[in-house]
C-alpha atoms as a PDB file:
ATOM      1  CA  MET A   1     -23.724  17.587  43.571  1.00  0.00           C
ATOM      2  CA  GLU A   2     -22.755  18.776  40.498  1.00  0.00           C
ATOM      3  CA  THR A   3     -24.291  17.080  37.599  1.00  0.00           C
ATOM      4  CA  ALA A   4     -22.830  16.992  34.025  1.00  0.00           C
ATOM      5  CA  HIS A   5     -25.314  19.412  32.533  1.00  0.00           C
ATOM      6  CA  SER A   6     -24.808  21.880  35.493  1.00  0.00           C
ATOM      7  CA  ILE A   7     -20.784  22.128  34.551  1.00  0.00           C
ATOM      8  CA  LYS A   8     -21.437  22.280  30.936  1.00  0.00           C
ATOM      9  CA  LYS A   9     -23.705  25.263  31.360  1.00  0.00           C
ATOM     10  CA  LYS A  10     -21.155  27.344  33.603  1.00  0.00           C
ATOM     11  CA  GLY A  11     -18.970  27.575  30.485  1.00  0.00           C
ATOM     12  CA  PHE A  12     -15.470  26.072  29.080  1.00  0.00           C
ATOM     13  CA  TRP A  13     -12.696  27.694  31.606  1.00  0.00           C
ATOM     14  CA  TYR A  14     -15.010  26.385  34.704  1.00  0.00           C
ATOM     15  CA  ARG A  15     -14.915  23.045  33.231  1.00  0.00           C
ATOM     16  CA  VAL A  16     -11.046  23.493  32.590  1.00  0.00           C
ATOM     17  CA  GLY A  17     -10.647  24.421  36.396  1.00  0.00           C
ATOM     18  CA  LYS A  18     -12.610  21.248  37.190  1.00  0.00           C
ATOM     19  CA  GLN A  19     -10.347  19.013  35.036  1.00  0.00           C
ATOM     20  CA  LYS A  20      -6.928  20.693  35.419  1.00  0.00           C
ATOM     21  CA  GLU A  21      -5.053  17.630  36.776  1.00  0.00           C
ATOM     22  CA  LEU A  22      -5.906  15.779  34.024  1.00  0.00           C
ATOM     23  CA  ILE A  23      -4.982  18.482  31.457  1.00  0.00           C
ATOM     24  CA  PHE A  24      -1.454  18.821  33.232  1.00  0.00           C
ATOM     25  CA  ILE A  25      -0.969  15.018  32.954  1.00  0.00           C
ATOM     26  CA  SER A  26      -1.787  14.941  29.373  1.00  0.00           C
ATOM     27  CA  LEU A  27       0.095  18.132  28.736  1.00  0.00           C
ATOM     28  CA  PRO A  28       3.721  16.423  28.030  1.00  0.00           C
ATOM     29  CA  PHE A  29       1.598  14.172  25.482  1.00  0.00           C
ATOM     30  CA  VAL A  30       0.009  17.080  23.457  1.00  0.00           C
ATOM     31  CA  ILE A  31       3.284  18.615  23.571  1.00  0.00           C
ATOM     32  CA  TYR A  32       5.007  15.545  22.230  1.00  0.00           C
ATOM     33  CA  PHE A  33       2.409  14.988  19.217  1.00  0.00           C
ATOM     34  CA  PHE A  34       2.442  18.562  18.253  1.00  0.00           C
ATOM     35  CA  ILE A  35       6.315  18.692  17.783  1.00  0.00           C
ATOM     36  CA  PHE A  36       6.967  15.361  16.301  1.00  0.00           C
ATOM     37  CA  SER A  37       3.488  14.812  14.228  1.00  0.00           C
ATOM     38  CA  TYR A  38       2.401  18.058  13.671  1.00  0.00           C
ATOM     39  CA  LEU A  39       5.344  20.596  13.101  1.00  0.00           C
ATOM     40  CA  PRO A  40       6.878  18.231  10.282  1.00  0.00           C
ATOM     41  CA  LEU A  41       3.613  18.600   8.113  1.00  0.00           C
ATOM     42  CA  TRP A  42       4.812  21.951   7.288  1.00  0.00           C
ATOM     43  CA  GLY A  43       7.510  19.756   5.326  1.00  0.00           C
ATOM     44  CA  LEU A  44       4.473  18.507   2.920  1.00  0.00           C
ATOM     45  CA  THR A  45       5.068  21.653   1.055  1.00  0.00           C
ATOM     46  CA  MET A  46       8.325  20.398  -0.542  1.00  0.00           C
ATOM     47  CA  ALA A  47       6.074  18.308  -2.373  1.00  0.00           C
ATOM     48  CA  PHE A  48       4.721  21.172  -4.888  1.00  0.00           C
ATOM     49  CA  GLN A  49       8.201  23.343  -4.823  1.00  0.00           C
ATOM     50  CA  ASN A  50      11.504  22.877  -6.951  1.00  0.00           C
ATOM     51  CA  TYR A  51      13.201  22.369  -3.243  1.00  0.00           C
ATOM     52  CA  LYS A  52      16.394  23.866  -2.578  1.00  0.00           C
ATOM     53  CA  PRO A  53      17.835  23.622   0.840  1.00  0.00           C
ATOM     54  CA  HIS A  54      19.785  26.913   0.667  1.00  0.00           C
ATOM     55  CA  LEU A  55      16.888  28.918   0.183  1.00  0.00           C
ATOM     56  CA  SER A  56      14.407  30.402   2.039  1.00  0.00           C
ATOM     57  CA  PHE A  57      10.672  29.355   2.054  1.00  0.00           C
ATOM     58  CA  ALA A  58       9.443  32.452   0.179  1.00  0.00           C
ATOM     59  CA  ASP A  59      12.172  32.264  -2.317  1.00  0.00           C
ATOM     60  CA  GLN A  60      11.589  28.666  -3.064  1.00  0.00           C
ATOM     61  CA  GLN A  61       9.940  27.704  -6.434  1.00  0.00           C
ATOM     62  CA  TRP A  62       6.889  26.140  -6.731  1.00  0.00           C
ATOM     63  CA  VAL A  63       5.804  23.961  -9.414  1.00  0.00           C
ATOM     64  CA  GLY A  64       2.491  22.407  -8.874  1.00  0.00           C
ATOM     65  CA  LEU A  65       1.969  18.605  -9.288  1.00  0.00           C
ATOM     66  CA  LYS A  66       5.207  18.382 -11.289  1.00  0.00           C
ATOM     67  CA  HIS A  67       6.765  15.965  -8.795  1.00  0.00           C
ATOM     68  CA  PHE A  68       3.403  13.742  -8.821  1.00  0.00           C
ATOM     69  CA  GLN A  69       3.210  13.504 -12.638  1.00  0.00           C
ATOM     70  CA  ASN A  70       7.049  12.168 -12.368  1.00  0.00           C
ATOM     71  CA  LEU A  71       5.840   9.873  -9.589  1.00  0.00           C
ATOM     72  CA  PHE A  72       3.151   8.100 -11.316  1.00  0.00           C
ATOM     73  CA  THR A  73       5.300   8.181 -14.620  1.00  0.00           C
ATOM     74  CA  ASP A  74       8.341   6.614 -13.157  1.00  0.00           C
ATOM     75  CA  GLN A  75       9.058   3.455 -14.943  1.00  0.00           C
ATOM     76  CA  TYR A  76       9.367   1.581 -11.998  1.00  0.00           C
ATOM     77  CA  PHE A  77       6.357   3.115  -9.883  1.00  0.00           C
ATOM     78  CA  PHE A  78       3.795   0.071 -10.529  1.00  0.00           C
ATOM     79  CA  GLN A  79       5.837  -2.236  -9.944  1.00  0.00           C
ATOM     80  CA  ILE A  80       6.889  -0.804  -6.590  1.00  0.00           C
ATOM     81  CA  LEU A  81       3.322  -0.550  -5.673  1.00  0.00           C
ATOM     82  CA  ARG A  82       2.402  -3.958  -6.420  1.00  0.00           C
ATOM     83  CA  ASN A  83       5.339  -5.194  -4.364  1.00  0.00           C
ATOM     84  CA  THR A  84       4.016  -2.947  -1.173  1.00  0.00           C
ATOM     85  CA  LEU A  85       0.695  -4.335  -1.634  1.00  0.00           C
ATOM     86  CA  ALA A  86       1.424  -7.735  -2.206  1.00  0.00           C
ATOM     87  CA  MET A  87       3.385  -7.982   0.692  1.00  0.00           C
ATOM     88  CA  SER A  88       1.230  -6.199   2.747  1.00  0.00           C
ATOM     89  CA  ILE A  89      -1.970  -8.077   2.049  1.00  0.00           C
ATOM     90  CA  ILE A  90       0.098 -11.395   2.741  1.00  0.00           C
ATOM     91  CA  THR A  91       1.052  -9.707   6.181  1.00  0.00           C
ATOM     92  CA  LEU A  92      -1.929  -8.423   6.919  1.00  0.00           C
ATOM     93  CA  VAL A  93      -4.032 -12.173   6.334  1.00  0.00           C
ATOM     94  CA  PHE A  94      -1.810 -14.107   7.828  1.00  0.00           C
ATOM     95  CA  SER A  95      -1.088 -12.084  10.805  1.00  0.00           C
ATOM     96  CA  PHE A  96      -4.641 -12.036  11.502  1.00  0.00           C
ATOM     97  CA  ILE A  97      -5.430 -15.217  11.131  1.00  0.00           C
ATOM     98  CA  SER A  98      -2.609 -16.498  13.132  1.00  0.00           C
ATOM     99  CA  ALA A  99      -3.158 -14.047  16.120  1.00  0.00           C
ATOM    100  CA  ILE A 100      -6.986 -14.799  16.319  1.00  0.00           C
ATOM    101  CA  LEU A 101      -6.343 -18.481  16.176  1.00  0.00           C
ATOM    102  CA  PHE A 102      -3.211 -18.610  18.634  1.00  0.00           C
ATOM    103  CA  ALA A 103      -5.443 -16.210  21.179  1.00  0.00           C
ATOM    104  CA  LEU A 104      -8.481 -19.156  20.623  1.00  0.00           C
ATOM    105  CA  PHE A 105      -6.047 -21.955  21.153  1.00  0.00           C
ATOM    106  CA  LEU A 106      -4.271 -20.396  24.012  1.00  0.00           C
ATOM    107  CA  ASN A 107      -8.041 -19.758  25.703  1.00  0.00           C
ATOM    108  CA  GLU A 108      -8.736 -23.235  25.698  1.00  0.00           C
ATOM    109  CA  LEU A 109      -5.728 -24.362  27.564  1.00  0.00           C
ATOM    110  CA  ARG A 110      -6.380 -25.678  31.179  1.00  0.00           C
ATOM    111  CA  GLY A 111      -2.920 -25.632  32.962  1.00  0.00           C
ATOM    112  CA  ARG A 112      -2.530 -22.147  34.478  1.00  0.00           C
ATOM    113  CA  PHE A 113       0.799 -22.170  34.675  1.00  0.00           C
ATOM    114  CA  PHE A 114       1.770 -23.566  31.242  1.00  0.00           C
ATOM    115  CA  LYS A 115      -0.908 -21.241  29.839  1.00  0.00           C
ATOM    116  CA  ARG A 116       0.939 -18.438  31.078  1.00  0.00           C
ATOM    117  CA  GLY A 117       4.047 -19.957  29.730  1.00  0.00           C
ATOM    118  CA  VAL A 118       3.275 -20.312  26.394  1.00  0.00           C
ATOM    119  CA  GLN A 119       1.569 -17.229  26.387  1.00  0.00           C
ATOM    120  CA  THR A 120       4.817 -15.254  27.711  1.00  0.00           C
ATOM    121  CA  ILE A 121       7.374 -17.169  25.416  1.00  0.00           C
ATOM    122  CA  SER A 122       4.730 -16.010  22.404  1.00  0.00           C
ATOM    123  CA  TYR A 123       5.617 -12.545  23.258  1.00  0.00           C
ATOM    124  CA  MET A 124       9.330 -12.346  22.976  1.00  0.00           C
ATOM    125  CA  PRO A 125      10.003 -12.229  19.417  1.00  0.00           C
ATOM    126  CA  HIS A 126       8.331  -8.976  19.257  1.00  0.00           C
ATOM    127  CA  PHE A 127      11.131  -7.244  21.432  1.00  0.00           C
ATOM    128  CA  LEU A 128      13.866  -8.628  19.130  1.00  0.00           C
ATOM    129  CA  SER A 129      14.982  -6.056  16.660  1.00  0.00           C
ATOM    130  CA  TRP A 130      14.366  -6.543  12.911  1.00  0.00           C
ATOM    131  CA  ILE A 131      18.209  -6.873  12.400  1.00  0.00           C
ATOM    132  CA  ILE A 132      18.171  -9.990  14.409  1.00  0.00           C
ATOM    133  CA  VAL A 133      15.074 -11.175  13.264  1.00  0.00           C
ATOM    134  CA  CYS A 134      16.745 -11.121   9.218  1.00  0.00           C
ATOM    135  CA  GLY A 135      20.013 -12.404  10.718  1.00  0.00           C
ATOM    136  CA  LEU A 136      17.941 -15.581  11.913  1.00  0.00           C
ATOM    137  CA  LEU A 137      16.039 -15.763   8.671  1.00  0.00           C
ATOM    138  CA  SER A 138      19.323 -15.442   6.558  1.00  0.00           C
ATOM    139  CA  ASN A 139      21.125 -18.235   8.641  1.00  0.00           C
ATOM    140  CA  ILE A 140      18.080 -20.335   8.634  1.00  0.00           C
ATOM    141  CA  LEU A 141      17.215 -20.107   5.005  1.00  0.00           C
ATOM    142  CA  THR A 142      20.931 -20.080   3.640  1.00  0.00           C
ATOM    143  CA  MET A 143      21.819 -22.637   1.087  1.00  0.00           C
ATOM    144  CA  ASP A 144      25.291 -23.581   3.335  1.00  0.00           C
ATOM    145  CA  GLY A 145      24.274 -24.757   6.483  1.00  0.00           C
ATOM    146  CA  GLY A 146      21.050 -23.632   6.714  1.00  0.00           C
ATOM    147  CA  ILE A 147      18.695 -25.808   8.592  1.00  0.00           C
ATOM    148  CA  ILE A 148      15.593 -25.994   6.595  1.00  0.00           C
ATOM    149  CA  ASN A 149      18.122 -26.866   3.312  1.00  0.00           C
ATOM    150  CA  GLU A 150      19.585 -29.572   5.773  1.00  0.00           C
ATOM    151  CA  ILE A 151      16.056 -31.108   6.263  1.00  0.00           C
ATOM    152  CA  ILE A 152      15.410 -31.351   2.660  1.00  0.00           C
ATOM    153  CA  VAL A 153      18.787 -32.460   1.764  1.00  0.00           C
ATOM    154  CA  ARG A 154      18.165 -35.608   4.462  1.00  0.00           C
ATOM    155  CA  LEU A 155      14.376 -35.948   2.922  1.00  0.00           C
ATOM    156  CA  GLY A 156      16.308 -36.636  -0.402  1.00  0.00           C
ATOM    157  CA  GLY A 157      15.512 -33.221  -2.016  1.00  0.00           C
ATOM    158  CA  GLU A 158      17.713 -30.715  -3.238  1.00  0.00           C
ATOM    159  CA  LYS A 159      18.738 -27.187  -1.941  1.00  0.00           C
ATOM    160  CA  VAL A 160      16.907 -24.523  -2.226  1.00  0.00           C
ATOM    161  CA  HIS A 161      18.131 -20.772  -2.598  1.00  0.00           C
ATOM    162  CA  PHE A 162      15.253 -19.252  -0.907  1.00  0.00           C
ATOM    163  CA  LEU A 163      16.651 -15.663  -0.591  1.00  0.00           C
ATOM    164  CA  GLY A 164      17.491 -15.578  -4.273  1.00  0.00           C
ATOM    165  CA  ASN A 165      14.202 -16.935  -5.686  1.00  0.00           C
ATOM    166  CA  PRO A 166      11.756 -14.062  -6.299  1.00  0.00           C
ATOM    167  CA  ASP A 167       8.651 -16.285  -5.740  1.00  0.00           C
ATOM    168  CA  TYR A 168       9.411 -17.038  -2.130  1.00  0.00           C
ATOM    169  CA  PHE A 169      10.294 -13.686  -0.944  1.00  0.00           C
ATOM    170  CA  TRP A 170       6.826 -12.539  -0.272  1.00  0.00           C
ATOM    171  CA  TRP A 171       6.056 -15.406   1.668  1.00  0.00           C
ATOM    172  CA  ILE A 172       9.392 -14.852   3.915  1.00  0.00           C
ATOM    173  CA  VAL A 173       8.328 -11.886   4.691  1.00  0.00           C
ATOM    174  CA  GLY A 174       4.867 -12.601   5.374  1.00  0.00           C
ATOM    175  CA  TYR A 175       6.398 -15.574   7.777  1.00  0.00           C
ATOM    176  CA  ALA A 176       8.804 -13.286   9.578  1.00  0.00           C
ATOM    177  CA  ASN A 177       5.955 -10.725  10.452  1.00  0.00           C
ATOM    178  CA  VAL A 178       4.071 -13.838  11.478  1.00  0.00           C
ATOM    179  CA  TRP A 179       6.553 -15.313  14.118  1.00  0.00           C
ATOM    180  CA  LYS A 180       7.361 -11.975  15.398  1.00  0.00           C
ATOM    181  CA  SER A 181       3.870 -10.479  15.672  1.00  0.00           C
ATOM    182  CA  MET A 182       1.967 -13.189  16.691  1.00  0.00           C
ATOM    183  CA  GLY A 183       1.950 -13.558  20.530  1.00  0.00           C
ATOM    184  CA  TRP A 184       1.808  -9.820  20.612  1.00  0.00           C
ATOM    185  CA  ASN A 185      -1.046  -9.461  18.611  1.00  0.00           C
ATOM    186  CA  SER A 186      -2.993 -11.373  20.226  1.00  0.00           C
ATOM    187  CA  ILE A 187      -3.008  -9.737  23.495  1.00  0.00           C
ATOM    188  CA  ILE A 188      -6.004  -7.676  22.593  1.00  0.00           C
ATOM    189  CA  TYR A 189      -7.934 -10.821  21.365  1.00  0.00           C
ATOM    190  CA  ILE A 190      -6.864 -12.573  24.852  1.00  0.00           C
ATOM    191  CA  ALA A 191      -8.380  -9.484  26.625  1.00  0.00           C
ATOM    192  CA  ALA A 192     -11.585  -9.346  24.552  1.00  0.00           C
ATOM    193  CA  ILE A 193     -11.940 -13.407  25.284  1.00  0.00           C
ATOM    194  CA  THR A 194     -12.032 -12.772  29.104  1.00  0.00           C
ATOM    195  CA  SER A 195     -14.768 -10.308  28.773  1.00  0.00           C
ATOM    196  CA  ILE A 196     -17.169 -12.744  27.544  1.00  0.00           C
ATOM    197  CA  ASP A 197     -19.590 -14.100  30.044  1.00  0.00           C
ATOM    198  CA  PRO A 198     -18.481 -17.493  31.502  1.00  0.00           C
ATOM    199  CA  ALA A 199     -22.216 -18.598  31.558  1.00  0.00           C
ATOM    200  CA  LEU A 200     -22.600 -18.656  27.915  1.00  0.00           C
ATOM    201  CA  TYR A 201     -20.132 -21.469  27.894  1.00  0.00           C
ATOM    202  CA  GLU A 202     -21.896 -23.425  30.196  1.00  0.00           C
ATOM    203  CA  ALA A 203     -25.193 -23.223  28.664  1.00  0.00           C
ATOM    204  CA  ALA A 204     -23.987 -24.061  25.431  1.00  0.00           C
ATOM    205  CA  ALA A 205     -22.220 -27.354  27.192  1.00  0.00           C
ATOM    206  CA  ILE A 206     -25.375 -28.170  28.729  1.00  0.00           C
ATOM    207  CA  ASP A 207     -26.878 -27.740  25.166  1.00  0.00           C
ATOM    208  CA  GLY A 208     -24.445 -30.562  23.994  1.00  0.00           C
ATOM    209  CA  CYS A 209     -22.377 -28.254  22.256  1.00  0.00           C
ATOM    210  CA  GLY A 210     -18.463 -29.213  21.856  1.00  0.00           C
ATOM    211  CA  ARG A 211     -15.422 -27.472  22.614  1.00  0.00           C
ATOM    212  CA  PHE A 212     -14.845 -26.021  18.620  1.00  0.00           C
ATOM    213  CA  GLY A 213     -18.581 -25.324  18.608  1.00  0.00           C
ATOM    214  CA  ARG A 214     -18.192 -23.191  21.652  1.00  0.00           C
ATOM    215  CA  MET A 215     -14.941 -21.759  19.872  1.00  0.00           C
ATOM    216  CA  TRP A 216     -16.936 -20.985  16.794  1.00  0.00           C
ATOM    217  CA  HIS A 217     -20.114 -19.474  18.087  1.00  0.00           C
ATOM    218  CA  ILE A 218     -19.257 -18.503  21.476  1.00  0.00           C
ATOM    219  CA  THR A 219     -15.557 -17.329  21.423  1.00  0.00           C
ATOM    220  CA  LEU A 220     -15.229 -16.244  18.008  1.00  0.00           C
ATOM    221  CA  SER A 221     -18.670 -14.190  18.151  1.00  0.00           C
ATOM    222  CA  GLY A 222     -18.051 -12.501  21.226  1.00  0.00           C
ATOM    223  CA  ILE A 223     -14.499 -11.285  19.795  1.00  0.00           C
ATOM    224  CA  LYS A 224     -16.079 -10.149  16.250  1.00  0.00           C
ATOM    225  CA  PRO A 225     -16.189  -6.492  17.012  1.00  0.00           C
ATOM    226  CA  THR A 226     -12.762  -6.257  18.096  1.00  0.00           C
ATOM    227  CA  ILE A 227     -11.643  -8.147  14.998  1.00  0.00           C
ATOM    228  CA  ILE A 228     -13.730  -5.994  12.992  1.00  0.00           C
ATOM    229  CA  ILE A 229     -12.385  -2.815  14.445  1.00  0.00           C
ATOM    230  CA  LEU A 230      -9.003  -4.042  14.320  1.00  0.00           C
ATOM    231  CA  LEU A 231      -9.020  -4.765  10.962  1.00  0.00           C
ATOM    232  CA  ILE A 232     -10.045  -1.345   9.867  1.00  0.00           C
ATOM    233  CA  LEU A 233      -7.309   0.201  11.829  1.00  0.00           C
ATOM    234  CA  ASN A 234      -4.624  -2.113  10.163  1.00  0.00           C
ATOM    235  CA  ALA A 235      -6.369  -1.640   6.579  1.00  0.00           C
ATOM    236  CA  GLY A 236      -4.829   2.104   6.962  1.00  0.00           C
ATOM    237  CA  TRP A 237      -1.641   0.623   7.031  1.00  0.00           C
ATOM    238  CA  ILE A 238      -1.697  -1.345   3.796  1.00  0.00           C
ATOM    239  CA  LEU A 239       0.585   0.828   1.956  1.00  0.00           C
ATOM    240  CA  ASN A 240       3.339   1.015   5.240  1.00  0.00           C
ATOM    241  CA  THR A 241       4.308  -2.688   4.472  1.00  0.00           C
ATOM    242  CA  ASN A 242       7.233  -3.577   7.031  1.00  0.00           C
ATOM    243  CA  PHE A 243      10.458  -1.382   5.901  1.00  0.00           C
ATOM    244  CA  GLU A 244      13.507  -3.470   7.189  1.00  0.00           C
ATOM    245  CA  ILE A 245      12.923  -7.140   6.085  1.00  0.00           C
ATOM    246  CA  PRO A 246      12.919  -5.872   2.365  1.00  0.00           C
ATOM    247  CA  PHE A 247      15.682  -3.878   2.934  1.00  0.00           C
ATOM    248  CA  LEU A 248      18.085  -5.828   4.755  1.00  0.00           C
ATOM    249  CA  LEU A 249      17.060  -9.331   3.063  1.00  0.00           C
ATOM    250  CA  GLY A 250      16.069  -7.950  -0.558  1.00  0.00           C
ATOM    251  CA  GLN A 251      18.447  -5.547  -1.865  1.00  0.00           C
ATOM    252  CA  SER A 252      20.190  -8.340  -4.106  1.00  0.00           C
ATOM    253  CA  GLY A 253      19.640  -8.187  -8.004  1.00  0.00           C
ATOM    254  CA  LEU A 254      18.363 -11.519  -7.721  1.00  0.00           C
ATOM    255  CA  VAL A 255      15.063 -10.054  -5.909  1.00  0.00           C
ATOM    256  CA  LEU A 256      15.114  -6.609  -6.248  1.00  0.00           C
ATOM    257  CA  GLU A 257      12.235  -6.394  -8.902  1.00  0.00           C
ATOM    258  CA  VAL A 258       9.958  -7.951  -6.184  1.00  0.00           C
ATOM    259  CA  SER A 259      11.276  -6.815  -2.716  1.00  0.00           C
ATOM    260  CA  GLU A 260      11.544  -2.769  -3.482  1.00  0.00           C
ATOM    261  CA  THR A 261       8.594  -1.325  -1.729  1.00  0.00           C
ATOM    262  CA  LEU A 262       7.566   2.431  -1.312  1.00  0.00           C
ATOM    263  CA  ASP A 263       9.185   3.221   2.112  1.00  0.00           C
ATOM    264  CA  ILE A 264      12.600   1.896   0.186  1.00  0.00           C
ATOM    265  CA  PHE A 265      11.873   4.041  -3.272  1.00  0.00           C
ATOM    266  CA  VAL A 266      10.765   7.011  -0.922  1.00  0.00           C
ATOM    267  CA  LEU A 267      14.235   6.843   0.882  1.00  0.00           C
ATOM    268  CA  ARG A 268      16.290   5.835  -2.450  1.00  0.00           C
ATOM    269  CA  LYS A 269      14.838   8.781  -4.313  1.00  0.00           C
ATOM    270  CA  GLY A 270      14.725  11.434  -1.376  1.00  0.00           C
ATOM    271  CA  PHE A 271      18.694  10.378  -0.363  1.00  0.00           C
ATOM    272  CA  GLY A 272      19.937   9.523  -3.849  1.00  0.00           C
ATOM    273  CA  GLY A 273      18.522  12.422  -6.261  1.00  0.00           C
ATOM    274  CA  GLY A 274      19.963  15.395  -4.870  1.00  0.00           C
ATOM    275  CA  ALA A 275      18.189  18.860  -3.762  1.00  0.00           C
ATOM    276  CA  SER A 276      15.239  17.705  -5.950  1.00  0.00           C
ATOM    277  CA  GLY A 277      15.228  14.081  -4.397  1.00  0.00           C
ATOM    278  CA  PHE A 278      13.714  15.693  -1.082  1.00  0.00           C
ATOM    279  CA  ALA A 279      10.811  16.897  -3.115  1.00  0.00           C
ATOM    280  CA  PHE A 280      10.098  14.125  -5.494  1.00  0.00           C
ATOM    281  CA  GLY A 281      10.573  11.630  -2.049  1.00  0.00           C
ATOM    282  CA  THR A 282       8.244  13.987  -0.148  1.00  0.00           C
ATOM    283  CA  ALA A 283       5.440  13.442  -2.867  1.00  0.00           C
ATOM    284  CA  ALA A 284       5.748   9.876  -2.994  1.00  0.00           C
ATOM    285  CA  GLY A 285       5.454   9.642   0.674  1.00  0.00           C
ATOM    286  CA  MET A 286       2.355  11.971   0.603  1.00  0.00           C
ATOM    287  CA  PHE A 287       1.082   9.952  -1.587  1.00  0.00           C
ATOM    288  CA  LYS A 288       1.442   6.887   0.292  1.00  0.00           C
ATOM    289  CA  SER A 289      -0.159   8.859   3.069  1.00  0.00           C
ATOM    290  CA  VAL A 290      -3.222   9.986   1.264  1.00  0.00           C
ATOM    291  CA  VAL A 291      -4.099   6.714  -0.151  1.00  0.00           C
ATOM    292  CA  SER A 292      -3.827   5.211   3.362  1.00  0.00           C
ATOM    293  CA  VAL A 293      -6.290   7.630   4.473  1.00  0.00           C
ATOM    294  CA  ILE A 294      -8.887   6.757   1.738  1.00  0.00           C
ATOM    295  CA  ILE A 295      -8.257   3.030   2.484  1.00  0.00           C
ATOM    296  CA  LEU A 296      -9.022   3.872   6.011  1.00  0.00           C
ATOM    297  CA  VAL A 297     -12.283   5.525   5.609  1.00  0.00           C
ATOM    298  CA  LEU A 298     -13.556   3.304   3.009  1.00  0.00           C
ATOM    299  CA  CYS A 299     -13.201   0.176   5.160  1.00  0.00           C
ATOM    300  CA  ASN A 300     -15.063   1.707   7.924  1.00  0.00           C
ATOM    301  CA  LYS A 301     -17.729   3.278   5.697  1.00  0.00           C
ATOM    302  CA  ILE A 302     -18.247  -0.382   4.069  1.00  0.00           C
ATOM    303  CA  ALA A 303     -18.120  -1.892   7.647  1.00  0.00           C
ATOM    304  CA  GLY A 304     -20.941   0.445   8.822  1.00  0.00           C
ATOM    305  CA  TRP A 305     -22.839  -0.390   5.475  1.00  0.00           C
ATOM    306  CA  ALA A 306     -22.508  -3.943   6.081  1.00  0.00           C
ATOM    307  CA  GLY A 307     -23.963  -3.396   9.937  1.00  0.00           C
ATOM    308  CA  GLU A 308     -20.654  -4.561  11.524  1.00  0.00           C
ATOM    309  CA  GLU A 309     -18.799  -2.238  14.653  1.00  0.00           C
ATOM    310  CA  LYS A 310     -16.891   0.715  13.065  1.00  0.00           C
ATOM    311  CA  LEU A 311     -15.125   3.307  14.215  1.00  0.00           C
ATOM    312  CA  VAL A 312     -17.496   6.293  14.321  1.00  0.00           C
END
C-alpha cells in the first residue's frame, strides 16, 4: 500500500495520474473561473489609461494615477464612501446577530415538524429577487395604504414618509437584508450546532445550568470559531454593500444624498461619462477591491493576534 510520502517522492506527474478523476471533475470549474474571474483582470489596465474604445491596447495613452486623483478629489466621493460604509456596517451587524440568534432559538425547538417548518419558511425570502423585495417594501412603507402607516394612524399617530426621509433609509436597507437573508445565513450556524457533543448539554443540565445558560456557555461557545471565520470573510465585503436596494428605492432626490453607494457611483460614472467614464469607473472599482482585500487581511491578522480562529 502506497503512503502519502512514497507518492510524493515519485513526482508531480505520477500524483496527477493518481488523481486524474478528481482533476477531470474540477476542470470545468477551473475553466469557468479562469474565463470569468481572471481574464477580466486585464481590464483593470483601463484605470491607468486615457481609454478610447476604438484604439488597440498598444495605442492607448497611459495617464498613471490621474483617474485615482480625480476619484479622491470628486466632491461626492467621501459622501458616497460614508453611505457605503454605513449601510454595510448596519447590514453586517444586524445580519450576523439575527442569524446567530435565530439559529440558537431554532435549536431549542423540540417539535421536529414545527422546527423544520419554521426553518423552511425562513429560507424562502432568500429565493426572492431584490426587485420583488423592494416592491414589497415600497408597498409596506408607502404613505398611501402602506400597512405600517395604517397601524400608526390607527394608534393615533401621523403618517411617516419612510422612503422620503434620509434618517430612515440606512435602517430600511438593514432591515430588508435581515428579512431576506436571516434564514439562509443561519444554515451554517445550525450545521455547526449539530456538531456539538450532546453530552455537554447533559452534563450542564446535571450541574444545574438552565436553558439560557446552556445556550450561552455551550451552544454559543461551540459555534464561536464559525462566527469568527464568517465575520472575517464578510468584513472583506464591507464596501460591496447591496446594490439593488439603494438603486431601486433610493434614486429619488429626497434621499439621494444618503442612498448613493460606490457601486452606483461606478455604474453612473462608467456608463454616463462617455469613453473616459470607463477608465474612471474602473479606477473606482479597483479602489473598492483593494480596500476590501486590505480589510480582509487586517481582520484576519487581528483575529490571530487575539488568539481566535483565522483563515490561515
